[in-house]
Structures are given as structure tokens and as C-alpha cells.
Amino acid sequence: MSLYIGAEDLQAGLPEILAAPANEGTVELVVRRPSEGEREILEEGVLDVHEGLVGDDWLDRNGRRGRPSDPATQLTLMNVRVIALVAGDRDRWQLAGDQLYVDLDLRPENLPPGTRLAVGSAVVEVTEVPHTGCAKFTERFGPAAIRFVNGKSGRALRLRGMYVRVVGGGTVRPGDAIRKL
């Protein structure tokens, strides 16, 4: 049995994705990446303006590649309706590699760069850096999934999620609200 969902089923799930709440949603999952390939599902995460998600390897990741860490790529948010569609079982969501999985409309028309969001007691700001799927995403979720999120319409809808930077530190837990400010 394949873990990959086909292109027709992905397209059929698009109306559900587009029905995500526009102004206030919910944080469903908080995931820390302590090192390459590792994932920790958290009951509570601390967001810091300098570190992003405390304990995540974001600061070290670019340093290992010889580049300074870009604050515009501190955190990634992914729509839970997208990851539920491409990953299936909730136990596989964290394989996407994002830190916050939220039920919120992430489309650029709804959340243009510069938009601030309250996430738990923290505040984040949407950045201009596009977030796209990579070879690891393809390996984990299949070629149809990568075409779905990285194709022209998928990019236009931010199906792979988006980058944000922390502008006000605080805590975030599954079940917390995420809302436009």
C-alpha cells in the first residue's frame, strides 16, 4: 500500500483547504527540529525574536551551510488541511519539517508580507521569502504532492506554507488561537 496520495485526490481536497478560517484559527501542532532529520512534538514551544522556536536547529542549520541565519526564515507555518491531505495520518505531519501547523488561510491575499499574527502569547510577522517543497518532501509525500504544493497554483495559494519571523516572544501550545492583528 502506497503512502502517497494521487493527483486527483489532492485536487479533490482543494475546496476543504480553501475553506480554512481567514481571521482566526487554531494551532494544531508545534514541532521542534533539534537536529537534521529529528522531530519533537511539543506541548509548549517558546518563540524568541532571536532564536525562533527555542531548541530548534534553525540558527545552526544555515551556519552549517556557511550562511548566516536569515530572520525571515525563522519559522514555517503550514496549513493543517494541506498536510492532512498530503500526509494522511496525523503521526506523519511532522515529516514535512515545519514548526507550526495551523488551521488558518495562508494565502497571500489573506496574509500578505508584513501581516502580523498573534500565535499563543507570541507575535509573528509574515515574510516575503517563498517556502517551497524540496527533495525530502517529495520522498516523504510523493511526486504528486510536490507538484500539488510547488506547482503554479500551489505556490499562488501557499500550499507548502509560509515563513514568518518572531517579532514578539511568547509561548505557543496546540489549541492556542492564531489570529490576524
N, C-alpha and C. Protein backbone atom coordinates (compact mmCIF):
# COMPACT_ATOMS: atom_id res chain seq x y z
N MET A 1 0.84 -1.19 0.00
CA MET A 1 0.00 0.00 0.00
C MET A 1 0.88 1.25 0.00
N SER A 2 0.57 2.18 -0.88
CA SER A 2 1.36 3.41 -1.01
C SER A 2 0.96 4.43 0.06
N LEU A 3 1.96 5.14 0.55
CA LEU A 3 1.69 6.23 1.48
C LEU A 3 1.37 7.52 0.73
N TYR A 4 1.50 7.48 -0.60
CA TYR A 4 1.32 8.68 -1.40
C TYR A 4 -0.11 8.80 -1.91
N ILE A 5 -0.63 10.01 -1.87
CA ILE A 5 -1.96 10.27 -2.42
C ILE A 5 -1.80 10.75 -3.86
N GLY A 6 -2.75 10.38 -4.70
CA GLY A 6 -2.68 10.72 -6.11
C GLY A 6 -3.14 12.14 -6.42
N ALA A 7 -2.78 12.60 -7.61
CA ALA A 7 -3.07 13.96 -8.04
C ALA A 7 -4.58 14.27 -8.02
N GLU A 8 -5.41 13.32 -8.45
CA GLU A 8 -6.85 13.57 -8.47
C GLU A 8 -7.40 13.77 -7.07
N ASP A 9 -6.95 12.96 -6.13
CA ASP A 9 -7.41 13.10 -4.75
C ASP A 9 -6.92 14.41 -4.13
N LEU A 10 -5.70 14.83 -4.48
CA LEU A 10 -5.18 16.10 -3.98
C LEU A 10 -6.06 17.25 -4.48
N GLN A 11 -6.35 17.24 -5.78
CA GLN A 11 -7.19 18.30 -6.35
C GLN A 11 -8.59 18.28 -5.72
N ALA A 12 -9.11 17.10 -5.46
CA ALA A 12 -10.44 16.98 -4.85
C ALA A 12 -10.46 17.57 -3.44
N GLY A 13 -9.32 17.61 -2.76
CA GLY A 13 -9.24 18.17 -1.41
C GLY A 13 -9.09 19.67 -1.36
N LEU A 14 -8.89 20.30 -2.51
CA LEU A 14 -8.66 21.75 -2.53
C LEU A 14 -9.80 22.58 -1.93
N PRO A 15 -11.07 22.27 -2.18
CA PRO A 15 -12.13 23.07 -1.56
C PRO A 15 -12.05 23.09 -0.02
N GLU A 16 -11.70 21.97 0.59
CA GLU A 16 -11.57 21.93 2.04
C GLU A 16 -10.43 22.83 2.51
N ILE A 17 -9.32 22.82 1.79
CA ILE A 17 -8.19 23.70 2.12
C ILE A 17 -8.59 25.16 2.04
N LEU A 18 -9.30 25.50 0.97
CA LEU A 18 -9.71 26.90 0.75
C LEU A 18 -10.77 27.36 1.74
N ALA A 19 -11.36 26.45 2.49
CA ALA A 19 -12.37 26.80 3.49
C ALA A 19 -11.75 27.12 4.86
N ALA A 20 -10.43 27.14 4.96
CA ALA A 20 -9.77 27.45 6.24
C ALA A 20 -10.18 28.84 6.70
N PRO A 21 -10.26 29.06 8.01
CA PRO A 21 -10.66 30.37 8.52
C PRO A 21 -9.66 31.47 8.13
N ALA A 22 -10.19 32.65 7.84
CA ALA A 22 -9.35 33.74 7.35
C ALA A 22 -8.74 34.60 8.45
N ASN A 23 -9.46 34.85 9.51
CA ASN A 23 -9.00 35.82 10.51
C ASN A 23 -8.49 35.22 11.80
N GLU A 24 -9.11 34.14 12.24
CA GLU A 24 -8.68 33.49 13.47
C GLU A 24 -8.82 31.99 13.33
N GLY A 25 -7.75 31.29 13.63
CA GLY A 25 -7.74 29.85 13.55
C GLY A 25 -7.13 29.24 14.80
N THR A 26 -6.59 28.05 14.64
CA THR A 26 -6.07 27.30 15.76
C THR A 26 -4.71 26.71 15.44
N VAL A 27 -3.83 26.70 16.42
CA VAL A 27 -2.57 25.97 16.31
C VAL A 27 -2.88 24.52 16.63
N GLU A 28 -2.53 23.62 15.74
CA GLU A 28 -2.84 22.20 15.93
C GLU A 28 -1.63 21.39 16.38
N LEU A 29 -0.44 21.81 15.97
CA LEU A 29 0.76 21.04 16.27
C LEU A 29 1.96 21.97 16.33
N VAL A 30 2.84 21.75 17.32
CA VAL A 30 4.09 22.50 17.46
C VAL A 30 5.22 21.47 17.42
N VAL A 31 6.15 21.67 16.48
CA VAL A 31 7.22 20.70 16.26
C VAL A 31 8.58 21.41 16.26
N ARG A 32 9.46 20.87 17.07
CA ARG A 32 10.84 21.38 17.11
C ARG A 32 11.73 20.39 16.37
N ARG A 33 12.71 20.95 15.64
CA ARG A 33 13.70 20.14 14.93
C ARG A 33 15.05 20.33 15.64
N PRO A 34 15.37 19.49 16.62
CA PRO A 34 16.60 19.70 17.39
C PRO A 34 17.87 19.49 16.57
N SER A 35 17.79 18.64 15.55
CA SER A 35 18.91 18.44 14.63
C SER A 35 18.36 17.88 13.33
N GLU A 36 19.19 17.84 12.32
CA GLU A 36 18.79 17.39 10.99
C GLU A 36 18.06 16.05 11.07
N GLY A 37 16.83 16.01 10.54
CA GLY A 37 16.06 14.77 10.48
C GLY A 37 15.32 14.39 11.75
N GLU A 38 15.53 15.11 12.85
CA GLU A 38 14.84 14.80 14.11
C GLU A 38 13.64 15.73 14.29
N ARG A 39 12.59 15.21 14.95
CA ARG A 39 11.40 15.99 15.24
C ARG A 39 10.95 15.71 16.66
N GLU A 40 10.55 16.76 17.37
CA GLU A 40 9.98 16.64 18.71
C GLU A 40 8.63 17.35 18.71
N ILE A 41 7.59 16.63 18.99
CA ILE A 41 6.26 17.24 19.11
C ILE A 41 6.18 17.82 20.51
N LEU A 42 5.85 19.11 20.59
CA LEU A 42 5.87 19.84 21.86
C LEU A 42 4.47 20.12 22.39
N GLU A 43 4.35 20.06 23.71
CA GLU A 43 3.13 20.51 24.38
C GLU A 43 3.15 22.03 24.52
N GLU A 44 4.36 22.60 24.52
CA GLU A 44 4.53 24.05 24.59
C GLU A 44 5.86 24.42 23.95
N GLY A 45 5.81 25.42 23.08
CA GLY A 45 7.02 25.94 22.46
C GLY A 45 7.23 27.38 22.88
N VAL A 46 8.49 27.78 22.97
CA VAL A 46 8.83 29.16 23.28
C VAL A 46 9.35 29.80 22.00
N LEU A 47 8.72 30.91 21.61
CA LEU A 47 9.14 31.66 20.44
C LEU A 47 9.95 32.86 20.90
N ASP A 48 11.12 33.04 20.31
CA ASP A 48 12.06 34.08 20.70
C ASP A 48 12.45 34.88 19.46
N VAL A 49 12.58 36.21 19.61
CA VAL A 49 12.88 37.05 18.45
C VAL A 49 14.23 36.75 17.83
N HIS A 50 15.16 36.22 18.58
CA HIS A 50 16.49 35.92 18.05
C HIS A 50 16.65 34.46 17.65
N GLU A 51 16.01 33.56 18.36
CA GLU A 51 16.19 32.12 18.14
C GLU A 51 15.09 31.46 17.31
N GLY A 52 13.95 32.13 17.14
CA GLY A 52 12.81 31.46 16.53
C GLY A 52 12.18 30.56 17.57
N LEU A 53 11.96 29.30 17.24
CA LEU A 53 11.45 28.32 18.21
C LEU A 53 12.64 27.84 19.02
N VAL A 54 12.66 28.13 20.30
CA VAL A 54 13.79 27.78 21.15
C VAL A 54 14.02 26.27 21.11
N GLY A 55 15.28 25.89 20.85
CA GLY A 55 15.65 24.49 20.77
C GLY A 55 15.60 23.92 19.37
N ASP A 56 15.03 24.68 18.43
CA ASP A 56 15.00 24.27 17.03
C ASP A 56 16.38 24.55 16.42
N ASP A 57 16.76 23.81 15.40
CA ASP A 57 18.09 23.99 14.83
C ASP A 57 18.16 25.06 13.75
N TRP A 58 17.16 25.93 13.65
CA TRP A 58 17.16 26.98 12.63
C TRP A 58 18.44 27.81 12.65
N LEU A 59 18.89 28.23 13.82
CA LEU A 59 20.10 29.05 13.90
C LEU A 59 21.32 28.30 13.38
N ASP A 60 21.42 27.03 13.68
CA ASP A 60 22.57 26.24 13.28
C ASP A 60 22.51 25.76 11.83
N ARG A 61 21.31 25.58 11.34
CA ARG A 61 21.12 24.98 10.01
C ARG A 61 21.88 25.75 8.92
N ASN A 62 21.68 27.06 8.84
CA ASN A 62 22.38 27.83 7.81
C ASN A 62 23.85 27.96 8.13
N GLY A 63 24.20 28.04 9.43
CA GLY A 63 25.60 28.13 9.81
C GLY A 63 26.40 26.94 9.31
N ARG A 64 25.76 25.76 9.31
CA ARG A 64 26.44 24.57 8.79
C ARG A 64 26.65 24.67 7.29
N ARG A 65 25.85 25.51 6.64
CA ARG A 65 25.98 25.68 5.19
C ARG A 65 26.82 26.91 4.85
N GLY A 66 27.41 27.53 5.88
CA GLY A 66 28.27 28.67 5.65
C GLY A 66 27.55 29.99 5.44
N ARG A 67 26.27 30.03 5.78
CA ARG A 67 25.50 31.27 5.61
C ARG A 67 24.95 31.69 6.97
N PRO A 68 24.80 32.99 7.16
CA PRO A 68 24.15 33.43 8.40
C PRO A 68 22.66 33.06 8.36
N SER A 69 22.08 32.83 9.52
CA SER A 69 20.65 32.53 9.59
C SER A 69 19.86 33.78 9.25
N ASP A 70 18.88 33.64 8.38
CA ASP A 70 18.06 34.75 7.92
C ASP A 70 16.81 34.83 8.81
N PRO A 71 16.63 35.94 9.54
CA PRO A 71 15.44 36.07 10.39
C PRO A 71 14.12 35.90 9.62
N ALA A 72 14.15 36.14 8.32
CA ALA A 72 12.94 35.99 7.51
C ALA A 72 12.53 34.53 7.34
N THR A 73 13.40 33.61 7.77
CA THR A 73 13.08 32.18 7.64
C THR A 73 13.09 31.47 8.99
N GLN A 74 12.82 32.22 10.06
CA GLN A 74 12.87 31.63 11.42
C GLN A 74 11.92 30.47 11.61
N LEU A 75 10.68 30.63 11.17
CA LEU A 75 9.64 29.63 11.40
C LEU A 75 8.86 29.39 10.13
N THR A 76 8.34 28.18 10.00
CA THR A 76 7.39 27.92 8.93
C THR A 76 6.06 27.51 9.52
N LEU A 77 5.02 28.04 8.90
CA LEU A 77 3.65 27.67 9.24
C LEU A 77 3.10 26.89 8.07
N MET A 78 2.41 25.80 8.37
CA MET A 78 1.75 25.03 7.33
C MET A 78 0.29 24.84 7.70
N ASN A 79 -0.56 24.94 6.71
CA ASN A 79 -1.99 24.75 6.88
C ASN A 79 -2.27 23.27 7.17
N VAL A 80 -2.97 22.99 8.27
CA VAL A 80 -3.24 21.60 8.64
C VAL A 80 -4.11 20.88 7.63
N ARG A 81 -4.91 21.62 6.90
CA ARG A 81 -5.76 20.98 5.90
C ARG A 81 -4.93 20.46 4.73
N VAL A 82 -3.84 21.16 4.42
CA VAL A 82 -2.93 20.69 3.37
C VAL A 82 -2.16 19.47 3.86
N ILE A 83 -1.54 19.57 5.02
CA ILE A 83 -0.72 18.45 5.49
C ILE A 83 -1.57 17.21 5.77
N ALA A 84 -2.80 17.40 6.24
CA ALA A 84 -3.68 16.25 6.45
C ALA A 84 -3.97 15.55 5.13
N LEU A 85 -4.10 16.33 4.07
CA LEU A 85 -4.37 15.77 2.76
C LEU A 85 -3.15 15.03 2.20
N VAL A 86 -1.98 15.66 2.24
CA VAL A 86 -0.81 15.04 1.61
C VAL A 86 -0.18 13.95 2.48
N ALA A 87 -0.26 14.09 3.80
CA ALA A 87 0.41 13.13 4.70
C ALA A 87 -0.53 12.04 5.19
N GLY A 88 -1.83 12.34 5.22
CA GLY A 88 -2.76 11.35 5.76
C GLY A 88 -2.70 11.34 7.27
N ASP A 89 -2.24 10.27 7.81
CA ASP A 89 -2.18 10.05 9.26
C ASP A 89 -1.48 11.21 9.97
N ARG A 90 -2.09 11.71 11.03
CA ARG A 90 -1.54 12.83 11.80
C ARG A 90 -0.13 12.53 12.33
N ASP A 91 0.18 11.28 12.56
CA ASP A 91 1.51 10.90 13.02
C ASP A 91 2.59 11.20 11.98
N ARG A 92 2.21 11.48 10.75
CA ARG A 92 3.16 11.78 9.68
C ARG A 92 3.30 13.27 9.41
N TRP A 93 2.47 14.11 10.03
CA TRP A 93 2.51 15.54 9.74
C TRP A 93 3.89 16.14 9.94
N GLN A 94 4.54 15.81 11.05
CA GLN A 94 5.82 16.45 11.38
C GLN A 94 6.91 16.14 10.37
N LEU A 95 6.71 15.14 9.52
CA LEU A 95 7.70 14.82 8.49
C LEU A 95 7.88 15.96 7.49
N ALA A 96 6.89 16.85 7.40
CA ALA A 96 7.01 17.98 6.48
C ALA A 96 8.13 18.93 6.90
N GLY A 97 8.47 18.94 8.19
CA GLY A 97 9.59 19.76 8.64
C GLY A 97 9.23 21.16 9.09
N ASP A 98 7.95 21.45 9.21
CA ASP A 98 7.53 22.77 9.66
C ASP A 98 7.43 22.79 11.18
N GLN A 99 7.39 24.00 11.75
CA GLN A 99 7.30 24.10 13.21
C GLN A 99 5.88 24.28 13.71
N LEU A 100 5.08 25.06 13.01
CA LEU A 100 3.70 25.32 13.46
C LEU A 100 2.72 24.87 12.38
N TYR A 101 1.80 24.01 12.78
CA TYR A 101 0.76 23.53 11.89
C TYR A 101 -0.55 24.16 12.35
N VAL A 102 -1.15 24.96 11.47
CA VAL A 102 -2.26 25.81 11.88
C VAL A 102 -3.46 25.64 10.96
N ASP A 103 -4.63 25.85 11.53
CA ASP A 103 -5.85 25.89 10.72
C ASP A 103 -6.15 27.36 10.47
N LEU A 104 -5.59 27.87 9.38
CA LEU A 104 -5.73 29.28 9.00
C LEU A 104 -5.45 29.40 7.51
N ASP A 105 -6.15 30.30 6.85
CA ASP A 105 -5.95 30.57 5.43
C ASP A 105 -4.62 31.30 5.25
N LEU A 106 -3.65 30.65 4.65
CA LEU A 106 -2.31 31.21 4.48
C LEU A 106 -2.10 31.90 3.13
N ARG A 107 -3.13 31.97 2.33
CA ARG A 107 -2.98 32.58 1.01
C ARG A 107 -2.46 34.01 1.10
N PRO A 108 -1.61 34.43 0.15
CA PRO A 108 -1.05 35.78 0.17
C PRO A 108 -2.11 36.89 0.17
N GLU A 109 -3.26 36.64 -0.44
CA GLU A 109 -4.33 37.65 -0.43
C GLU A 109 -4.83 37.87 0.99
N ASN A 110 -4.79 36.83 1.80
CA ASN A 110 -5.26 36.92 3.17
C ASN A 110 -4.16 37.37 4.12
N LEU A 111 -2.94 36.93 3.86
CA LEU A 111 -1.81 37.23 4.75
C LEU A 111 -0.61 37.72 3.93
N PRO A 112 -0.68 38.95 3.42
CA PRO A 112 0.46 39.46 2.64
C PRO A 112 1.68 39.67 3.54
N PRO A 113 2.88 39.72 2.93
CA PRO A 113 4.07 40.02 3.73
C PRO A 113 3.86 41.27 4.59
N GLY A 114 4.34 41.19 5.82
CA GLY A 114 4.17 42.29 6.76
C GLY A 114 3.00 42.11 7.71
N THR A 115 2.09 41.18 7.38
CA THR A 115 0.96 40.91 8.26
C THR A 115 1.47 40.31 9.56
N ARG A 116 0.94 40.81 10.67
CA ARG A 116 1.31 40.26 11.97
C ARG A 116 0.19 39.36 12.49
N LEU A 117 0.64 38.29 13.15
CA LEU A 117 -0.27 37.30 13.70
C LEU A 117 0.05 37.07 15.17
N ALA A 118 -0.98 37.03 15.99
CA ALA A 118 -0.82 36.58 17.37
C ALA A 118 -0.91 35.07 17.35
N VAL A 119 0.12 34.42 17.90
CA VAL A 119 0.18 32.95 17.96
C VAL A 119 0.43 32.61 19.41
N GLY A 120 -0.59 32.10 20.10
CA GLY A 120 -0.44 31.94 21.55
C GLY A 120 -0.17 33.32 22.13
N SER A 121 0.87 33.45 22.94
CA SER A 121 1.21 34.76 23.51
C SER A 121 2.32 35.46 22.72
N ALA A 122 2.73 34.89 21.60
CA ALA A 122 3.78 35.47 20.76
C ALA A 122 3.16 36.22 19.57
N VAL A 123 4.00 36.99 18.90
CA VAL A 123 3.60 37.69 17.68
C VAL A 123 4.63 37.38 16.60
N VAL A 124 4.13 36.99 15.43
CA VAL A 124 4.99 36.72 14.29
C VAL A 124 4.57 37.60 13.13
N GLU A 125 5.50 37.77 12.18
CA GLU A 125 5.23 38.60 11.01
C GLU A 125 5.52 37.79 9.75
N VAL A 126 4.59 37.82 8.80
CA VAL A 126 4.74 37.12 7.53
C VAL A 126 5.88 37.78 6.75
N THR A 127 6.77 36.96 6.19
CA THR A 127 7.88 37.48 5.39
C THR A 127 7.63 37.22 3.91
N GLU A 128 8.49 37.82 3.08
CA GLU A 128 8.35 37.69 1.63
C GLU A 128 8.99 36.42 1.07
N VAL A 129 9.80 35.74 1.86
CA VAL A 129 10.54 34.58 1.36
C VAL A 129 9.56 33.45 1.03
N PRO A 130 9.58 32.95 -0.20
CA PRO A 130 8.69 31.84 -0.53
C PRO A 130 9.16 30.54 0.13
N HIS A 131 8.21 29.73 0.53
CA HIS A 131 8.50 28.42 1.13
C HIS A 131 8.06 27.36 0.14
N THR A 132 8.99 26.54 -0.30
CA THR A 132 8.67 25.51 -1.28
C THR A 132 9.11 24.14 -0.78
N GLY A 133 8.50 23.14 -1.35
CA GLY A 133 8.87 21.78 -1.01
C GLY A 133 10.19 21.40 -1.64
N CYS A 134 10.86 20.43 -1.05
CA CYS A 134 12.18 20.01 -1.51
C CYS A 134 12.18 18.50 -1.79
N ALA A 135 13.36 17.98 -2.03
CA ALA A 135 13.50 16.54 -2.31
C ALA A 135 13.00 15.69 -1.14
N LYS A 136 13.23 16.16 0.08
CA LYS A 136 12.76 15.41 1.25
C LYS A 136 11.23 15.36 1.28
N PHE A 137 10.58 16.46 0.95
CA PHE A 137 9.13 16.50 0.90
C PHE A 137 8.62 15.49 -0.14
N THR A 138 9.28 15.47 -1.30
CA THR A 138 8.91 14.52 -2.35
C THR A 138 9.07 13.09 -1.87
N GLU A 139 10.19 12.80 -1.23
CA GLU A 139 10.45 11.45 -0.73
C GLU A 139 9.39 11.01 0.29
N ARG A 140 9.00 11.93 1.14
CA ARG A 140 8.06 11.59 2.23
C ARG A 140 6.60 11.54 1.78
N PHE A 141 6.24 12.41 0.80
CA PHE A 141 4.81 12.53 0.45
C PHE A 141 4.50 12.23 -1.01
N GLY A 142 5.53 12.07 -1.84
CA GLY A 142 5.33 11.64 -3.21
C GLY A 142 5.40 12.73 -4.25
N PRO A 143 5.58 12.31 -5.51
CA PRO A 143 5.71 13.27 -6.60
C PRO A 143 4.44 14.08 -6.87
N ALA A 144 3.28 13.49 -6.69
CA ALA A 144 2.04 14.25 -6.90
C ALA A 144 1.90 15.35 -5.85
N ALA A 145 2.31 15.05 -4.62
CA ALA A 145 2.21 16.06 -3.54
C ALA A 145 3.14 17.23 -3.81
N ILE A 146 4.35 16.98 -4.27
CA ILE A 146 5.27 18.09 -4.54
C ILE A 146 4.77 18.93 -5.71
N ARG A 147 4.20 18.29 -6.72
CA ARG A 147 3.63 19.06 -7.84
C ARG A 147 2.43 19.88 -7.36
N PHE A 148 1.66 19.32 -6.45
CA PHE A 148 0.48 20.00 -5.91
C PHE A 148 0.88 21.27 -5.14
N VAL A 149 1.87 21.17 -4.27
CA VAL A 149 2.25 22.34 -3.45
C VAL A 149 3.19 23.30 -4.17
N ASN A 150 4.04 22.79 -5.09
CA ASN A 150 5.02 23.64 -5.76
C ASN A 150 4.60 24.11 -7.14
N GLY A 151 3.51 23.55 -7.67
CA GLY A 151 3.03 23.99 -8.98
C GLY A 151 2.58 25.45 -8.92
N LYS A 152 2.32 26.01 -10.07
CA LYS A 152 1.96 27.43 -10.15
C LYS A 152 0.80 27.78 -9.22
N SER A 153 -0.27 27.00 -9.27
CA SER A 153 -1.42 27.32 -8.40
C SER A 153 -1.11 27.02 -6.94
N GLY A 154 -0.34 25.97 -6.67
CA GLY A 154 0.04 25.64 -5.30
C GLY A 154 0.87 26.74 -4.66
N ARG A 155 1.83 27.28 -5.42
CA ARG A 155 2.64 28.40 -4.92
C ARG A 155 1.77 29.63 -4.70
N ALA A 156 0.85 29.88 -5.63
CA ALA A 156 -0.03 31.06 -5.51
C ALA A 156 -0.93 30.96 -4.28
N LEU A 157 -1.24 29.73 -3.85
CA LEU A 157 -2.10 29.51 -2.68
C LEU A 157 -1.29 29.28 -1.39
N ARG A 158 0.05 29.27 -1.51
CA ARG A 158 0.95 28.95 -0.39
C ARG A 158 0.62 27.59 0.23
N LEU A 159 0.39 26.61 -0.61
CA LEU A 159 0.04 25.29 -0.09
C LEU A 159 1.19 24.66 0.69
N ARG A 160 2.43 25.01 0.38
CA ARG A 160 3.56 24.45 1.13
C ARG A 160 3.78 25.20 2.44
N GLY A 161 3.03 26.26 2.65
CA GLY A 161 3.16 27.03 3.89
C GLY A 161 3.89 28.34 3.65
N MET A 162 4.29 28.95 4.75
CA MET A 162 4.94 30.25 4.63
C MET A 162 5.93 30.46 5.77
N TYR A 163 6.87 31.36 5.51
CA TYR A 163 7.83 31.75 6.52
C TYR A 163 7.31 32.94 7.30
N VAL A 164 7.64 32.96 8.59
CA VAL A 164 7.37 34.10 9.45
C VAL A 164 8.61 34.34 10.33
N ARG A 165 8.70 35.54 10.85
CA ARG A 165 9.74 35.84 11.82
C ARG A 165 9.07 36.25 13.12
N VAL A 166 9.71 35.98 14.23
CA VAL A 166 9.16 36.31 15.54
C VAL A 166 9.46 37.78 15.83
N VAL A 167 8.41 38.55 16.11
CA VAL A 167 8.60 39.97 16.46
C VAL A 167 8.24 40.25 17.91
N GLY A 168 7.58 39.31 18.55
CA GLY A 168 7.24 39.41 19.97
C GLY A 168 7.26 38.02 20.58
N GLY A 169 8.20 37.78 21.46
CA GLY A 169 8.36 36.46 22.05
C GLY A 169 7.17 36.05 22.91
N GLY A 170 7.05 34.75 23.10
CA GLY A 170 5.98 34.21 23.94
C GLY A 170 5.93 32.71 23.80
N THR A 171 4.85 32.13 24.29
CA THR A 171 4.68 30.67 24.21
C THR A 171 3.53 30.33 23.27
N VAL A 172 3.62 29.13 22.74
CA VAL A 172 2.58 28.63 21.85
C VAL A 172 2.36 27.15 22.18
N ARG A 173 1.08 26.78 22.20
CA ARG A 173 0.69 25.41 22.52
C ARG A 173 -0.37 24.95 21.52
N PRO A 174 -0.45 23.65 21.28
CA PRO A 174 -1.58 23.15 20.49
C PRO A 174 -2.89 23.58 21.15
N GLY A 175 -3.82 24.03 20.35
CA GLY A 175 -5.10 24.51 20.86
C GLY A 175 -5.15 26.03 20.99
N ASP A 176 -3.97 26.69 20.98
CA ASP A 176 -3.95 28.16 21.05
C ASP A 176 -4.54 28.76 19.79
N ALA A 177 -5.05 29.96 19.93
CA ALA A 177 -5.55 30.71 18.77
C ALA A 177 -4.38 31.28 17.98
N ILE A 178 -4.60 31.42 16.68
CA ILE A 178 -3.72 32.20 15.81
C ILE A 178 -4.64 33.16 15.10
N ARG A 179 -4.32 34.46 15.18
CA ARG A 179 -5.23 35.45 14.61
C ARG A 179 -4.48 36.64 14.05
N LYS A 180 -5.10 37.24 13.04
CA LYS A 180 -4.53 38.44 12.43
C LYS A 180 -4.63 39.59 13.42
N LEU A 181 -3.58 40.41 13.42
CA LEU A 181 -3.59 41.62 14.25
C LEU A 181 -3.86 42.84 13.38
